[in-house]
């Protein structure tokens, strides 16, 4: 009896997984973007790089752009 219940649970789990994958693919075909939105646009990153090059403090630039200092560092490193 318990084996039968276990088999049914496995079957249901695999069906859920297949439906989820199909839903994600359908959403991607419709143009839905997945993942976290970017905090800084390329223009903002260029502006931040110019300000830092001109001598502004990195914390001031991060505050100006409404992001954390580590987010600023990450964005500058990724676009370098």
Protein backbone atom coordinates (compact mmCIF):
# COMPACT_ATOMS: atom_id res chain seq x y z
CA UNK A 1 0.00 0.00 0.00
CA UNK A 2 2.76 2.45 0.98
CA UNK A 3 4.68 1.62 -2.17
CA UNK A 4 1.69 2.49 -4.30
CA UNK A 5 1.30 5.84 -2.53
CA UNK A 6 5.01 6.53 -3.07
CA UNK A 7 4.75 5.75 -6.79
CA UNK A 8 1.75 8.06 -7.17
CA UNK A 9 3.57 10.85 -5.32
CA UNK A 10 6.57 10.49 -7.64
CA UNK A 11 4.32 10.56 -10.68
CA UNK A 12 2.54 13.69 -9.47
CA UNK A 13 5.87 15.40 -8.74
CA UNK A 14 7.19 14.66 -12.23
CA UNK A 15 3.96 16.00 -13.79
CA UNK A 16 4.27 19.22 -11.78
CA UNK A 17 7.87 19.58 -12.91
CA UNK A 18 6.97 19.09 -16.59
CA UNK A 19 4.13 21.61 -16.41
CA UNK A 20 6.40 24.16 -14.73
CA UNK A 21 9.07 23.77 -17.41
CA UNK A 22 6.46 24.09 -20.15
CA UNK A 23 5.07 27.23 -18.54
CA UNK A 24 8.50 28.83 -18.28
CA UNK A 25 9.26 28.08 -21.94
CA UNK A 26 5.90 29.51 -23.02
CA UNK A 27 6.54 32.67 -21.00
CA UNK A 28 9.98 33.07 -22.55
CA UNK A 29 8.48 32.76 -26.03
CA UNK A 30 6.06 35.56 -25.09
CA UNK A 31 9.05 37.72 -24.13
CA UNK A 32 8.83 37.58 -20.34
CA UNK A 33 12.17 38.41 -18.73
CA UNK A 34 13.26 36.27 -15.80
CA UNK A 35 15.63 37.27 -13.05
CA UNK A 36 16.34 40.37 -11.09
CA UNK A 37 16.17 43.76 -12.78
CA UNK A 38 19.42 45.69 -13.19
CA UNK A 39 19.96 48.53 -10.75
CA UNK A 40 22.13 50.72 -12.97
CA UNK A 41 21.78 51.49 -16.65
CA UNK A 42 24.90 51.72 -18.85
CA UNK A 43 24.51 55.52 -18.87
CA UNK A 44 24.50 55.63 -15.07
CA UNK A 45 27.60 53.43 -14.94
CA UNK A 46 29.42 55.75 -17.37
CA UNK A 47 28.35 58.76 -15.31
CA UNK A 48 29.58 57.10 -12.12
CA UNK A 49 32.91 56.24 -13.76
CA UNK A 50 33.34 59.89 -14.84
CA UNK A 51 32.52 61.19 -11.35
CA UNK A 52 34.98 58.79 -9.72
CA UNK A 53 37.65 59.71 -12.27
CA UNK A 54 37.08 63.39 -11.39
CA UNK A 55 37.80 62.61 -7.75
CA UNK A 56 34.37 62.13 -6.16
CA UNK A 57 34.16 59.66 -3.30
CA UNK A 58 32.72 56.30 -4.23
CA UNK A 59 30.24 56.42 -1.35
CA UNK A 60 28.97 59.81 -2.58
CA UNK A 61 28.51 58.43 -6.11
CA UNK A 62 26.68 55.37 -4.78
CA UNK A 63 24.39 57.58 -2.68
CA UNK A 64 23.78 59.80 -5.69
CA UNK A 65 22.64 56.80 -7.73
CA UNK A 66 20.61 55.30 -4.87
CA UNK A 67 22.58 52.06 -4.72
CA UNK A 68 24.95 50.45 -2.27
CA UNK A 69 28.68 50.89 -2.62
CA UNK A 70 29.14 47.17 -3.37
CA UNK A 71 26.52 47.38 -6.14
CA UNK A 72 28.45 50.28 -7.64
CA UNK A 73 31.72 48.33 -7.47
CA UNK A 74 30.08 45.29 -9.08
CA UNK A 75 28.58 47.37 -11.90
CA UNK A 76 31.89 49.11 -12.59
CA UNK A 77 33.77 45.81 -12.65
CA UNK A 78 31.23 44.12 -14.93
CA UNK A 79 31.31 46.91 -17.49
CA UNK A 80 35.08 47.32 -17.53
